[in-house]
């Protein structure tokens, strides 16, 4: 079983930056594709970004492209989502997800086997 834990959420003003971190344990971290998703009340979980096992390939939702950066350090079992130029519409609970079967990760939440508990990000206008 893989345990996924997020940290780094909080309340910031529009235009600010925030850094989310996620650790995964219970399996070799470099064997996991990782992704970030977000969810607001009453809405489906939305893809934000994904990164391949090696960290050499990543994908982003159009809504965050150019503002968010996903990276990973396989030596520290950590994936980071650097969020810049935050907007009020970025307000959501952010979830980190891990999957041992995909190499590149992806935008379909159903393909991820392991999830963190979520961390709240609130952006005020």
Protein backbone atom coordinates (compact mmCIF):
# COMPACT_ATOMS: atom_id res chain seq x y z
CA UNK A 1 0.00 0.00 0.00
CA UNK A 2 1.23 3.48 -0.87
CA UNK A 3 0.70 6.33 1.57
CA UNK A 4 0.40 9.76 0.01
CA UNK A 5 0.59 12.93 2.10
CA UNK A 6 0.22 16.52 0.90
CA UNK A 7 1.31 19.69 2.66
CA UNK A 8 1.62 23.38 1.96
CA UNK A 9 -1.89 24.65 1.44
CA UNK A 10 -3.12 27.92 2.86
CA UNK A 11 -4.76 31.27 2.31
CA UNK A 12 -3.10 33.75 -0.04
CA UNK A 13 -4.05 36.83 -2.02
CA UNK A 14 -4.50 36.84 -5.76
CA UNK A 15 -1.18 37.09 -7.56
CA UNK A 16 0.75 35.36 -4.81
CA UNK A 17 2.60 32.06 -4.97
CA UNK A 18 2.18 28.87 -3.01
CA UNK A 19 4.14 25.63 -2.97
CA UNK A 20 2.50 22.29 -2.38
CA UNK A 21 4.53 19.23 -1.50
CA UNK A 22 3.61 15.58 -1.59
CA UNK A 23 5.43 12.55 -0.31
CA UNK A 24 4.67 8.94 -1.14
CA UNK A 25 5.90 5.96 0.84
CA UNK A 26 5.38 2.22 0.78
CA UNK A 27 6.73 1.69 -2.70
CA UNK A 28 9.78 2.78 -4.68
CA UNK A 29 8.99 6.41 -5.44
CA UNK A 30 10.66 6.38 -8.85
CA UNK A 31 8.22 3.65 -9.86
CA UNK A 32 5.22 5.94 -9.41
CA UNK A 33 3.69 8.37 -11.84
CA UNK A 34 2.42 11.35 -9.85
CA UNK A 35 -0.37 13.81 -10.40
CA UNK A 36 -2.10 16.77 -8.82
CA UNK A 37 -5.83 17.28 -8.93
CA UNK A 38 -8.19 19.77 -7.34
CA UNK A 39 -11.80 19.80 -6.34
CA UNK A 40 -14.37 22.37 -5.29
CA UNK A 41 -17.68 21.57 -3.58
CA UNK A 42 -20.20 20.01 -5.92
CA UNK A 43 -17.70 19.65 -8.73
CA UNK A 44 -15.79 16.68 -10.08
CA UNK A 45 -12.13 16.29 -9.34
CA UNK A 46 -10.16 18.30 -11.90
CA UNK A 47 -6.76 17.51 -13.35
CA UNK A 48 -4.03 20.04 -12.62
CA UNK A 49 -0.66 18.50 -13.53
CA UNK A 50 1.13 15.18 -13.86
CA UNK A 51 4.74 14.09 -13.98
CA UNK A 52 6.38 10.94 -15.24
CA UNK A 53 8.29 8.52 -13.08
CA UNK A 54 11.64 9.97 -14.04
CA UNK A 55 10.46 13.57 -13.92
CA UNK A 56 11.43 14.07 -17.53
CA UNK A 57 7.91 14.55 -18.81
CA UNK A 58 5.02 16.55 -17.46
CA UNK A 59 1.58 17.73 -18.53
CA UNK A 60 -0.65 20.55 -17.36
CA UNK A 61 -4.26 21.57 -17.53
CA UNK A 62 -4.74 24.54 -19.82
CA UNK A 63 -6.07 26.57 -16.88
CA UNK A 64 -2.72 26.40 -15.06
CA UNK A 65 -0.25 26.18 -17.91
CA UNK A 66 2.41 28.87 -17.61
CA UNK A 67 1.58 29.52 -13.94
CA UNK A 68 2.08 26.15 -12.21
CA UNK A 69 5.16 23.96 -12.28
CA UNK A 70 5.29 20.31 -11.25
CA UNK A 71 8.60 18.72 -10.30
CA UNK A 72 9.85 15.76 -8.37
CA UNK A 73 12.90 14.62 -6.44
CA UNK A 74 13.12 10.85 -6.47
CA UNK A 75 15.86 10.91 -3.86
CA UNK A 76 13.52 12.66 -1.43
CA UNK A 77 10.33 10.83 -2.45
CA UNK A 78 8.72 14.19 -3.07
CA UNK A 79 6.70 15.87 -5.79
CA UNK A 80 6.16 19.61 -5.69
CA UNK A 81 3.53 21.81 -7.28
CA UNK A 82 4.77 25.39 -7.49
CA UNK A 83 1.77 27.65 -7.99
CA UNK A 84 2.43 31.19 -9.20
CA UNK A 85 0.16 34.09 -10.12
CA UNK A 86 -2.67 32.51 -8.21
CA UNK A 87 -6.23 33.46 -9.04
CA UNK A 88 -9.41 33.18 -6.96
CA UNK A 89 -10.58 30.44 -9.33
CA UNK A 90 -7.63 28.32 -8.18
CA UNK A 91 -9.34 27.98 -4.80
CA UNK A 92 -9.93 24.28 -4.15
CA UNK A 93 -8.82 21.28 -2.19
CA UNK A 94 -5.71 19.99 -3.90
CA UNK A 95 -5.01 16.28 -4.00
CA UNK A 96 -1.82 14.42 -4.80
CA UNK A 97 -2.15 11.06 -6.51
CA UNK A 98 0.20 8.21 -7.30
CA UNK A 99 0.04 5.31 -9.69
CA UNK A 100 2.44 2.39 -10.18
CA UNK A 101 1.14 1.33 -13.59
CA UNK A 102 1.41 4.50 -15.65
CA UNK A 103 4.80 5.84 -16.67
CA UNK A 104 3.86 9.33 -17.74
CA UNK A 105 0.89 9.98 -15.50
CA UNK A 106 -2.27 11.38 -16.96
CA UNK A 107 -5.35 13.51 -16.54
CA UNK A 108 -7.88 10.79 -15.70
CA UNK A 109 -8.27 10.53 -11.92
CA UNK A 110 -9.67 7.01 -12.27
CA UNK A 111 -6.26 5.78 -13.35
CA UNK A 112 -4.57 6.71 -10.09
CA UNK A 113 -4.61 4.12 -7.35
CA UNK A 114 -3.42 6.13 -4.37
CA UNK A 115 -4.54 9.48 -3.06
CA UNK A 116 -3.65 11.87 -0.30
CA UNK A 117 -6.12 13.46 2.07
CA UNK A 118 -6.05 16.82 0.31
CA UNK A 119 -4.88 20.28 1.29
CA UNK A 120 -6.97 23.44 1.07
CA UNK A 121 -5.81 26.32 -1.10
CA UNK A 122 -7.77 29.54 -0.83
CA UNK A 123 -7.00 32.55 -3.00
CA UNK A 124 -8.68 35.80 -2.04
CA UNK A 125 -9.35 38.59 -4.51
